[in-house]
Protein backbone atom coordinates (compact mmCIF):
# COMPACT_ATOMS: atom_id res chain seq x y z
CA MET A 1 -42.46 -54.88 -28.27
CA SER A 2 -42.12 -52.54 -25.90
CA CYS A 3 -39.03 -53.16 -23.92
CA ILE A 4 -36.21 -53.09 -25.89
CA LEU A 5 -31.88 -53.35 -24.87
CA ARG A 6 -30.36 -50.97 -27.10
CA VAL A 7 -26.44 -51.55 -27.27
CA GLY A 8 -23.92 -48.80 -29.75
CA GLY A 9 -20.78 -46.68 -30.50
CA HIS A 10 -19.44 -45.36 -33.39
CA ASP A 11 -16.90 -47.82 -33.15
CA PHE A 12 -18.46 -51.17 -32.00
CA ASP A 13 -17.93 -54.11 -34.28
CA VAL A 14 -21.09 -55.72 -34.49
CA ASP A 15 -20.07 -58.39 -36.23
CA GLY A 16 -17.45 -59.31 -33.85
CA PHE A 17 -19.67 -58.95 -30.74
CA MET A 18 -22.46 -61.63 -32.54
CA ALA A 19 -19.33 -64.39 -33.64
CA LYS A 20 -19.04 -63.96 -29.43
CA THR A 21 -22.57 -63.99 -28.21
CA SER A 22 -24.99 -66.68 -27.29
CA ILE A 23 -27.72 -63.50 -26.84
CA GLU A 24 -30.76 -63.14 -29.09
CA VAL A 25 -30.23 -60.59 -31.16
CA ASP A 26 -33.54 -58.64 -32.53
CA SER A 27 -32.24 -56.65 -35.40
CA LEU A 28 -28.76 -54.54 -35.65
CA TRP A 29 -27.28 -51.83 -37.29
CA ARG A 30 -23.54 -50.72 -38.88
CA LYS A 31 -22.30 -48.05 -39.23
CA GLY A 32 -21.92 -45.90 -43.04
CA GLU A 33 -24.94 -48.37 -43.64
CA LYS A 34 -28.25 -46.24 -45.10
CA ARG A 35 -30.18 -46.59 -42.02
CA PHE A 36 -34.08 -47.30 -43.96
CA PRO A 37 -31.99 -49.62 -46.56
CA LYS A 38 -35.68 -50.07 -47.86
CA SER A 39 -36.80 -46.42 -47.96
CA GLY A 40 -35.89 -43.34 -50.00
CA ASN A 41 -34.42 -42.23 -47.33
CA SER A 42 -30.70 -41.47 -47.65
CA LYS A 43 -29.26 -41.02 -43.98
CA ILE A 44 -26.75 -43.33 -43.02
CA ASN A 45 -25.79 -44.59 -39.84
CA GLN A 46 -23.22 -43.08 -37.76
CA SER A 47 -22.64 -45.76 -35.44
CA SER A 48 -23.22 -49.47 -35.36
CA GLY A 49 -25.58 -51.54 -32.52
CA VAL A 50 -27.57 -53.89 -31.41
CA ARG A 51 -30.79 -54.42 -30.24
CA VAL A 52 -32.23 -56.63 -28.36
CA VAL A 53 -35.63 -57.55 -26.76
CA ALA A 54 -35.79 -57.61 -23.22
CA SER A 55 -39.85 -57.64 -22.43
CA GLU A 56 -42.56 -58.22 -25.84
CA ALA A 57 -45.78 -57.21 -23.63
CA ASP A 58 -47.58 -54.39 -25.41
CA PHE A 59 -47.67 -50.93 -24.53
CA SER A 60 -50.24 -50.56 -22.16
CA GLN A 61 -48.58 -52.99 -20.57
CA LEU A 62 -45.67 -51.46 -18.30
CA ALA A 63 -45.72 -53.56 -14.95
CA LYS A 64 -45.30 -56.97 -17.68
CA GLN A 65 -42.66 -55.14 -19.21
CA ILE A 66 -40.38 -54.44 -15.46
CA GLU A 67 -41.40 -58.59 -15.00
CA ASP A 68 -39.93 -59.86 -17.66
CA ALA A 69 -36.95 -57.11 -18.42
CA THR A 70 -36.36 -57.84 -15.00
CA SER A 71 -36.04 -61.73 -15.19
CA PHE A 72 -34.22 -60.96 -18.51
CA LEU A 73 -31.20 -59.12 -16.88
CA ARG A 74 -31.24 -62.16 -14.17
CA GLN A 75 -31.33 -65.07 -16.96
CA ASN A 76 -28.28 -62.57 -18.75
CA LEU A 77 -26.21 -60.66 -16.91
CA GLU A 78 -23.07 -62.19 -17.76
CA GLN A 79 -24.00 -61.66 -21.54
CA VAL A 80 -25.53 -58.40 -20.94
CA ARG A 81 -22.18 -57.38 -19.35
CA PHE A 82 -20.57 -58.64 -21.96
CA LEU A 83 -21.79 -57.01 -24.32
CA VAL A 84 -21.80 -53.53 -22.25
CA SER A 85 -18.00 -54.16 -22.52
CA PHE A 86 -17.55 -54.97 -26.29
CA PRO A 87 -14.80 -52.94 -27.36
CA GLY A 88 -16.68 -49.56 -28.61
CA VAL A 89 -19.57 -49.71 -26.82
CA GLU A 90 -19.82 -46.38 -26.16
CA GLY A 91 -24.16 -46.64 -24.35
CA ALA A 92 -26.70 -49.38 -23.40
CA VAL A 93 -30.41 -48.27 -22.27
CA LEU A 94 -33.57 -50.49 -21.29
CA ASP A 95 -35.93 -48.35 -23.12
CA PHE A 96 -39.24 -49.11 -22.36
CA GLY A 97 -42.45 -48.48 -23.63
CA ALA A 98 -45.69 -47.26 -22.51
CA GLU A 99 -48.78 -45.07 -23.53
CA LEU A 100 -50.22 -41.37 -21.52
CA TYR A 101 -53.74 -41.19 -22.11
CA PRO A 102 -54.99 -37.53 -21.57
CA PRO A 103 -55.25 -34.89 -19.62
CA GLY A 104 -51.18 -35.84 -19.90
CA TRP A 105 -49.43 -36.80 -16.67
CA ALA A 106 -49.06 -40.40 -15.38
CA SER A 107 -46.20 -41.56 -12.88
CA PHE A 108 -44.12 -44.69 -13.26
CA THR A 109 -41.88 -46.83 -10.77
CA PHE A 110 -39.14 -49.13 -11.48
CA PRO A 111 -38.46 -51.72 -8.82
CA PRO A 112 -35.56 -51.60 -7.28
CA GLU A 113 -34.40 -55.17 -8.46
CA LEU A 114 -35.05 -53.54 -11.82
CA LEU A 115 -32.34 -51.09 -11.36
CA ALA A 116 -29.89 -52.76 -9.26
CA LEU A 117 -29.71 -55.09 -12.34
CA ALA A 118 -29.77 -52.30 -15.32
CA GLY A 119 -26.96 -51.15 -13.05
CA GLU A 120 -24.75 -54.08 -12.81
CA ALA A 121 -24.83 -54.70 -15.79
CA GLY A 122 -24.30 -51.03 -17.26
CA VAL A 123 -27.27 -50.08 -18.13
CA SER A 124 -29.32 -47.56 -18.05
CA VAL A 125 -32.97 -47.23 -18.09
CA CYS A 126 -35.53 -45.05 -20.15
CA LEU A 127 -39.25 -44.32 -20.17
CA SER A 128 -40.47 -43.61 -24.24
CA VAL A 129 -44.14 -42.15 -23.27
CA TYR A 130 -46.08 -42.52 -26.42
CA PRO A 131 -49.25 -40.59 -25.96
CA THR A 132 -52.85 -42.55 -26.69
CA ASN A 133 -56.25 -40.52 -27.57
CA ASN A 134 -58.72 -42.23 -25.35
CA GLU A 135 -60.85 -43.59 -28.14
CA GLU A 136 -57.99 -46.12 -28.24
CA ARG A 137 -57.58 -47.70 -25.05
CA THR A 138 -58.94 -50.67 -24.82
CA ASP A 139 -58.54 -51.40 -21.00
CA ALA A 140 -61.27 -49.08 -19.71
């Protein structure tokens, strides 16, 4: 999955939200719990939050991620607005993941409909870029 809606806050009552929503949550974390409970890492979550899948398209399919995320926001706008305005929520971001091949520059454009829907929902848009070797490229 490459496009995730991530919402959180220091005083966000994840369990209270989960009891009142129909949106499908992929994963969640709670303030005070171990960040990586199955590892030896002892870091503790400083906030609570949820992750919701907006697109399962691959890093190499940014156009498909954008299409899926736009559709996701259209279909779930009221639930996303409810989530973003839930007590304790401090931020929400729609995070797209994309590959970047050497020599290391790229241009990514987001359509007005996606940006308008994200703005209406109170959600920021983020692009996380992951460097990839040319040898791993499957569409070349």
